[in-house]
Protein backbone atom coordinates (compact mmCIF):
# COMPACT_ATOMS: atom_id res chain seq x y z
CA MET A 1 54.15 104.21 47.89
CA GLU A 2 56.95 107.14 48.28
CA TYR A 3 54.57 108.56 50.91
CA ALA A 4 54.53 104.90 52.51
CA THR A 5 58.18 104.49 52.42
CA THR A 6 58.85 107.90 53.67
CA ALA A 7 56.69 107.44 57.05
CA LEU A 8 58.10 103.85 57.58
CA ALA A 9 61.65 105.24 57.44
CA ILE A 10 60.58 108.22 59.70
CA LEU A 11 59.09 105.46 62.02
CA GLY A 12 62.26 103.55 62.06
CA VAL A 13 64.35 106.63 62.64
CA ALA A 14 61.91 107.51 65.67
CA ALA A 15 61.92 104.23 66.83
CA GLY A 16 65.91 103.87 67.00
CA LEU A 17 66.21 107.05 68.75
CA ALA A 18 63.58 106.44 71.48
CA PHE A 19 63.22 102.76 72.12
CA ARG A 20 65.57 99.71 72.31
CA VAL A 21 65.12 95.84 69.97
CA LYS A 22 61.95 94.97 72.12
CA VAL A 23 60.05 97.54 70.32
CA LEU A 24 61.10 96.89 67.07
CA LEU A 25 60.05 93.67 66.75
CA PRO A 26 56.41 94.19 67.31
CA ILE A 27 56.83 96.84 64.52
CA ILE A 28 58.45 94.59 61.99
CA GLY A 29 55.25 92.10 62.39
CA VAL A 30 52.89 95.09 61.57
CA ILE A 31 54.85 95.80 58.65
CA LEU A 32 54.66 92.51 57.38
CA LEU A 33 51.09 91.97 57.66
CA ALA A 34 49.85 95.21 56.46
CA SER A 35 52.35 94.88 53.08
CA ILE A 36 51.04 91.24 52.81
CA MET A 37 47.38 92.47 52.80
CA PHE A 38 48.30 95.77 50.60
CA SER A 39 50.19 92.95 48.14
CA LEU A 40 46.79 91.09 48.03
CA ALA A 41 44.30 94.11 48.04
CA THR A 42 46.25 94.99 44.61
CA GLY A 43 46.45 92.09 42.99
CA PHE A 44 50.42 91.32 43.22
CA GLY A 45 51.61 88.33 41.99
CA PHE A 46 54.44 86.15 44.13
CA MET A 47 57.36 87.95 43.28
CA ASP A 48 55.86 91.64 43.73
CA THR A 49 54.58 90.51 47.03
CA ALA A 50 57.86 89.48 48.00
CA ILE A 51 59.65 92.41 46.84
CA THR A 52 57.19 94.52 48.69
CA VAL A 53 57.40 92.81 51.72
CA LEU A 54 61.38 92.76 51.55
CA MET A 55 61.63 96.53 50.81
CA GLY A 56 59.52 97.89 53.60
CA GLN A 57 61.11 95.47 56.21
CA ALA A 58 64.72 97.17 54.56
CA THR A 59 63.27 100.41 55.04
CA LEU A 60 62.28 100.19 58.26
CA GLN A 61 65.34 98.38 59.85
CA GLY A 62 67.73 100.64 57.94
CA SER A 63 65.98 103.67 59.20
CA TYR A 64 66.40 102.03 62.65
CA PHE A 65 69.72 101.18 62.42
CA LEU A 66 70.26 104.97 61.57
CA GLY A 67 68.06 105.69 64.68
CA LEU A 68 70.46 103.98 66.76
CA LEU A 69 73.66 105.40 65.21
CA ILE A 70 72.34 109.00 65.52
CA ARG A 71 71.44 108.25 69.46
CA ALA A 72 74.78 106.94 69.78
CA ILE A 73 76.75 109.52 68.57
CA PHE A 74 74.81 112.43 70.46
CA SER A 75 75.13 110.16 73.74
CA ALA A 76 79.15 109.87 73.18
CA LEU A 77 79.03 113.68 72.50
CA GLN A 78 77.32 114.67 75.73
CA ARG A 79 79.80 112.09 77.70
CA MET A 80 82.82 113.88 75.92
CA ARG A 81 81.09 117.38 76.76
CA SER A 82 80.67 116.24 80.35
CA GLY A 83 84.33 114.92 80.63
CA LEU A 84 86.12 118.12 79.97
C-alpha cells in the first residue's frame, strides 16, 4: 500500500507540473475504478472500500495541487529574473 501511495503522489506531482485540469479528470476516474477493484479483490467491506477510495483520491489531488504550486513558483521566479 505504501508503494501505491508513493506512486500516486509522484503521478500527481508530475501531472501538476506538466498538465492542466483536463488531464487530471481522466486520471481521477482511473484511480477511482482501480481502488474499487482493489478493494473488491481483497474483500474489503463498505467502510474500508470508502476509505481506500478517499485516501487514493486525496493523495492524487493533493500532490497535483503541490505540482501546480511548484510550477507557479518557478514561473514567477523566471518572470522576476527576466524583468531584472
